[in-house]
């Protein structure tokens, strides 16, 4: 774990987990004066990019949730805007618990349809 502070304005927190010598999860949390929070999760499976998530929150008013998936060598991007942090928390729990990429894609397609 690495924790960096710059005059109390910028905090960077990184966690690197390894399982049997393979990279499992990499997280970066950036906080700027408590106003902007960026949360990123990078998961790798056998050296291939599986899931990349970015969660931005600005004073609790607007939350942007983006998922980039690589499926069979093709990049699939989903971008969902929601207003309720509770929904984001549920999404984070659900998505982090998903192993099957195709199942994750189906779930996000349903979510996008519901929000349109």
C-alpha atoms as a PDB file:
ATOM      1  CA  UNK A   1       0.000   0.000   0.000  1.00  0.00           C
ATOM      2  CA  UNK A   2       1.129   3.494  -0.808  1.00  0.00           C
ATOM      3  CA  UNK A   3      -0.316   6.665   0.656  1.00  0.00           C
ATOM      4  CA  UNK A   4       0.829  10.021  -0.722  1.00  0.00           C
ATOM      5  CA  UNK A   5      -0.167  13.486   0.474  1.00  0.00           C
ATOM      6  CA  UNK A   6       0.584  16.807  -1.187  1.00  0.00           C
ATOM      7  CA  UNK A   7      -0.026  19.788   1.099  1.00  0.00           C
ATOM      8  CA  UNK A   8      -3.238  18.115   2.274  1.00  0.00           C
ATOM      9  CA  UNK A   9      -4.823  18.699  -1.128  1.00  0.00           C
ATOM     10  CA  UNK A  10      -4.130  15.500  -3.009  1.00  0.00           C
ATOM     11  CA  UNK A  11      -4.264  12.013  -1.550  1.00  0.00           C
ATOM     12  CA  UNK A  12      -3.404   8.960  -3.588  1.00  0.00           C
ATOM     13  CA  UNK A  13      -4.112   5.503  -2.201  1.00  0.00           C
ATOM     14  CA  UNK A  14      -3.049   2.396  -4.057  1.00  0.00           C
ATOM     15  CA  UNK A  15      -3.639  -1.266  -3.288  1.00  0.00           C
ATOM     16  CA  UNK A  16      -1.975  -4.047  -5.223  1.00  0.00           C
ATOM     17  CA  UNK A  17      -3.094  -7.626  -4.613  1.00  0.00           C
ATOM     18  CA  UNK A  18      -1.372 -10.660  -6.061  1.00  0.00           C
ATOM     19  CA  UNK A  19      -2.670 -14.212  -6.277  1.00  0.00           C
ATOM     20  CA  UNK A  20      -0.103 -16.875  -7.150  1.00  0.00           C
ATOM     21  CA  UNK A  21       2.146 -14.218  -8.660  1.00  0.00           C
ATOM     22  CA  UNK A  22      -0.577 -12.821 -10.944  1.00  0.00           C
ATOM     23  CA  UNK A  23      -1.989  -9.304 -10.705  1.00  0.00           C
ATOM     24  CA  UNK A  24      -5.514  -9.439  -9.358  1.00  0.00           C
ATOM     25  CA  UNK A  25      -6.677  -5.956  -8.431  1.00  0.00           C
ATOM     26  CA  UNK A  26      -5.309  -2.418  -8.582  1.00  0.00           C
ATOM     27  CA  UNK A  27      -7.169   0.456  -6.976  1.00  0.00           C
ATOM     28  CA  UNK A  28      -6.473   4.183  -6.965  1.00  0.00           C
ATOM     29  CA  UNK A  29      -8.439   6.645  -4.863  1.00  0.00           C
ATOM     30  CA  UNK A  30      -7.859  10.357  -5.444  1.00  0.00           C
ATOM     31  CA  UNK A  31      -9.366  13.016  -3.211  1.00  0.00           C
ATOM     32  CA  UNK A  32      -9.038  16.763  -3.751  1.00  0.00           C
ATOM     33  CA  UNK A  33     -10.246  18.887  -0.835  1.00  0.00           C
ATOM     34  CA  UNK A  34     -13.088  16.415  -0.293  1.00  0.00           C
ATOM     35  CA  UNK A  35     -14.843  17.573  -3.458  1.00  0.00           C
ATOM     36  CA  UNK A  36     -13.736  15.125  -6.126  1.00  0.00           C
ATOM     37  CA  UNK A  37     -13.319  11.401  -5.608  1.00  0.00           C
ATOM     38  CA  UNK A  38     -12.070   9.085  -8.325  1.00  0.00           C
ATOM     39  CA  UNK A  39     -12.152   5.330  -7.833  1.00  0.00           C
ATOM     40  CA  UNK A  40     -10.578   2.990 -10.337  1.00  0.00           C
ATOM     41  CA  UNK A  41     -10.403  -0.784 -10.387  1.00  0.00           C
ATOM     42  CA  UNK A  42      -8.265  -2.663 -12.859  1.00  0.00           C
ATOM     43  CA  UNK A  43      -8.659  -6.432 -12.996  1.00  0.00           C
ATOM     44  CA  UNK A  44      -6.386  -8.665 -15.035  1.00  0.00           C
ATOM     45  CA  UNK A  45      -6.870 -12.315 -15.902  1.00  0.00           C
ATOM     46  CA  UNK A  46      -3.894 -14.134 -17.410  1.00  0.00           C
ATOM     47  CA  UNK A  47      -2.394 -10.835 -18.548  1.00  0.00           C
ATOM     48  CA  UNK A  48      -5.532  -9.686 -20.385  1.00  0.00           C
ATOM     49  CA  UNK A  49      -7.561  -6.647 -19.370  1.00  0.00           C
ATOM     50  CA  UNK A  50     -10.885  -7.795 -18.021  1.00  0.00           C
ATOM     51  CA  UNK A  51     -12.584  -4.862 -16.352  1.00  0.00           C
ATOM     52  CA  UNK A  52     -11.886  -1.157 -15.895  1.00  0.00           C
ATOM     53  CA  UNK A  53     -14.194   0.976 -13.800  1.00  0.00           C
ATOM     54  CA  UNK A  54     -14.196   4.678 -13.007  1.00  0.00           C
ATOM     55  CA  UNK A  55     -16.492   6.263 -10.452  1.00  0.00           C
ATOM     56  CA  UNK A  56     -16.545  10.052 -10.155  1.00  0.00           C
ATOM     57  CA  UNK A  57     -18.452  11.898  -7.460  1.00  0.00           C
ATOM     58  CA  UNK A  58     -18.703  15.675  -7.193  1.00  0.00           C
ATOM     59  CA  UNK A  59     -20.192  16.933  -3.932  1.00  0.00           C
ATOM     60  CA  UNK A  60     -22.681  14.056  -4.016  1.00  0.00           C
ATOM     61  CA  UNK A  61     -24.632  15.699  -6.830  1.00  0.00           C
ATOM     62  CA  UNK A  62     -23.488  13.929  -9.984  1.00  0.00           C
ATOM     63  CA  UNK A  63     -22.037  10.465 -10.266  1.00  0.00           C
ATOM     64  CA  UNK A  64     -20.533   9.119 -13.466  1.00  0.00           C
ATOM     65  CA  UNK A  65     -19.969   5.398 -13.763  1.00  0.00           C
ATOM     66  CA  UNK A  66     -18.060   4.002 -16.699  1.00  0.00           C
ATOM     67  CA  UNK A  67     -17.119   0.423 -17.520  1.00  0.00           C
ATOM     68  CA  UNK A  68     -14.662  -0.534 -20.228  1.00  0.00           C
ATOM     69  CA  UNK A  69     -14.632  -4.213 -21.128  1.00  0.00           C
ATOM     70  CA  UNK A  70     -12.436  -6.137 -23.505  1.00  0.00           C
ATOM     71  CA  UNK A  71     -14.340  -9.089 -24.964  1.00  0.00           C
ATOM     72  CA  UNK A  72     -12.641 -11.353 -27.496  1.00  0.00           C
ATOM     73  CA  UNK A  73     -10.166  -8.595 -28.324  1.00  0.00           C
ATOM     74  CA  UNK A  74     -12.883  -5.991 -28.962  1.00  0.00           C
ATOM     75  CA  UNK A  75     -13.409  -3.025 -26.682  1.00  0.00           C
ATOM     76  CA  UNK A  76     -16.901  -2.495 -25.286  1.00  0.00           C
ATOM     77  CA  UNK A  77     -17.699   0.734 -23.465  1.00  0.00           C
ATOM     78  CA  UNK A  78     -20.669   1.491 -21.234  1.00  0.00           C
ATOM     79  CA  UNK A  79     -21.274   4.856 -19.631  1.00  0.00           C
ATOM     80  CA  UNK A  80     -24.056   5.259 -17.110  1.00  0.00           C
ATOM     81  CA  UNK A  81     -25.033   8.459 -15.321  1.00  0.00           C
ATOM     82  CA  UNK A  82     -26.984   8.120 -12.090  1.00  0.00           C
ATOM     83  CA  UNK A  83     -27.952  10.493  -9.314  1.00  0.00           C
ATOM     84  CA  UNK A  84     -28.279   8.208  -6.341  1.00  0.00           C
ATOM     85  CA  UNK A  85     -25.211   7.005  -4.503  1.00  0.00           C
ATOM     86  CA  UNK A  86     -27.141   4.030  -3.138  1.00  0.00           C
ATOM     87  CA  UNK A  87     -27.582   2.752  -6.683  1.00  0.00           C
ATOM     88  CA  UNK A  88     -23.866   3.212  -7.356  1.00  0.00           C
ATOM     89  CA  UNK A  89     -23.009   1.281  -4.201  1.00  0.00           C
ATOM     90  CA  UNK A  90     -25.250  -1.553  -5.368  1.00  0.00           C
ATOM     91  CA  UNK A  91     -23.635  -1.490  -8.814  1.00  0.00           C
ATOM     92  CA  UNK A  92     -20.165  -1.647  -7.319  1.00  0.00           C
ATOM     93  CA  UNK A  93     -21.094  -4.626  -5.168  1.00  0.00           C
ATOM     94  CA  UNK A  94     -22.800  -6.424  -8.047  1.00  0.00           C
ATOM     95  CA  UNK A  95     -20.077  -5.754 -10.598  1.00  0.00           C
ATOM     96  CA  UNK A  96     -17.204  -6.654  -8.308  1.00  0.00           C
ATOM     97  CA  UNK A  97     -18.993  -9.915  -7.601  1.00  0.00           C
ATOM     98  CA  UNK A  98     -19.401 -10.800 -11.271  1.00  0.00           C
ATOM     99  CA  UNK A  99     -16.906 -13.214 -12.784  1.00  0.00           C
ATOM    100  CA  UNK A 100     -18.473 -13.841 -16.190  1.00  0.00           C
ATOM    101  CA  UNK A 101     -17.819 -10.893 -18.523  1.00  0.00           C
ATOM    102  CA  UNK A 102     -20.790 -11.709 -20.739  1.00  0.00           C
ATOM    103  CA  UNK A 103     -23.045 -11.715 -17.678  1.00  0.00           C
ATOM    104  CA  UNK A 104     -21.723  -8.272 -16.775  1.00  0.00           C
ATOM    105  CA  UNK A 105     -22.417  -6.982 -20.284  1.00  0.00           C
ATOM    106  CA  UNK A 106     -26.001  -8.288 -20.138  1.00  0.00           C
ATOM    107  CA  UNK A 107     -26.535  -6.674 -16.741  1.00  0.00           C
ATOM    108  CA  UNK A 108     -25.284  -3.305 -17.986  1.00  0.00           C
ATOM    109  CA  UNK A 109     -27.424  -3.470 -21.124  1.00  0.00           C
ATOM    110  CA  UNK A 110     -30.504  -4.014 -18.938  1.00  0.00           C
ATOM    111  CA  UNK A 111     -29.479  -1.127 -16.677  1.00  0.00           C
ATOM    112  CA  UNK A 112     -29.035   1.254 -19.608  1.00  0.00           C
ATOM    113  CA  UNK A 113     -32.447   0.292 -21.006  1.00  0.00           C
ATOM    114  CA  UNK A 114     -34.093   0.948 -17.629  1.00  0.00           C
ATOM    115  CA  UNK A 115     -32.505   4.375 -17.347  1.00  0.00           C
ATOM    116  CA  UNK A 116     -33.468   5.551 -20.845  1.00  0.00           C
END
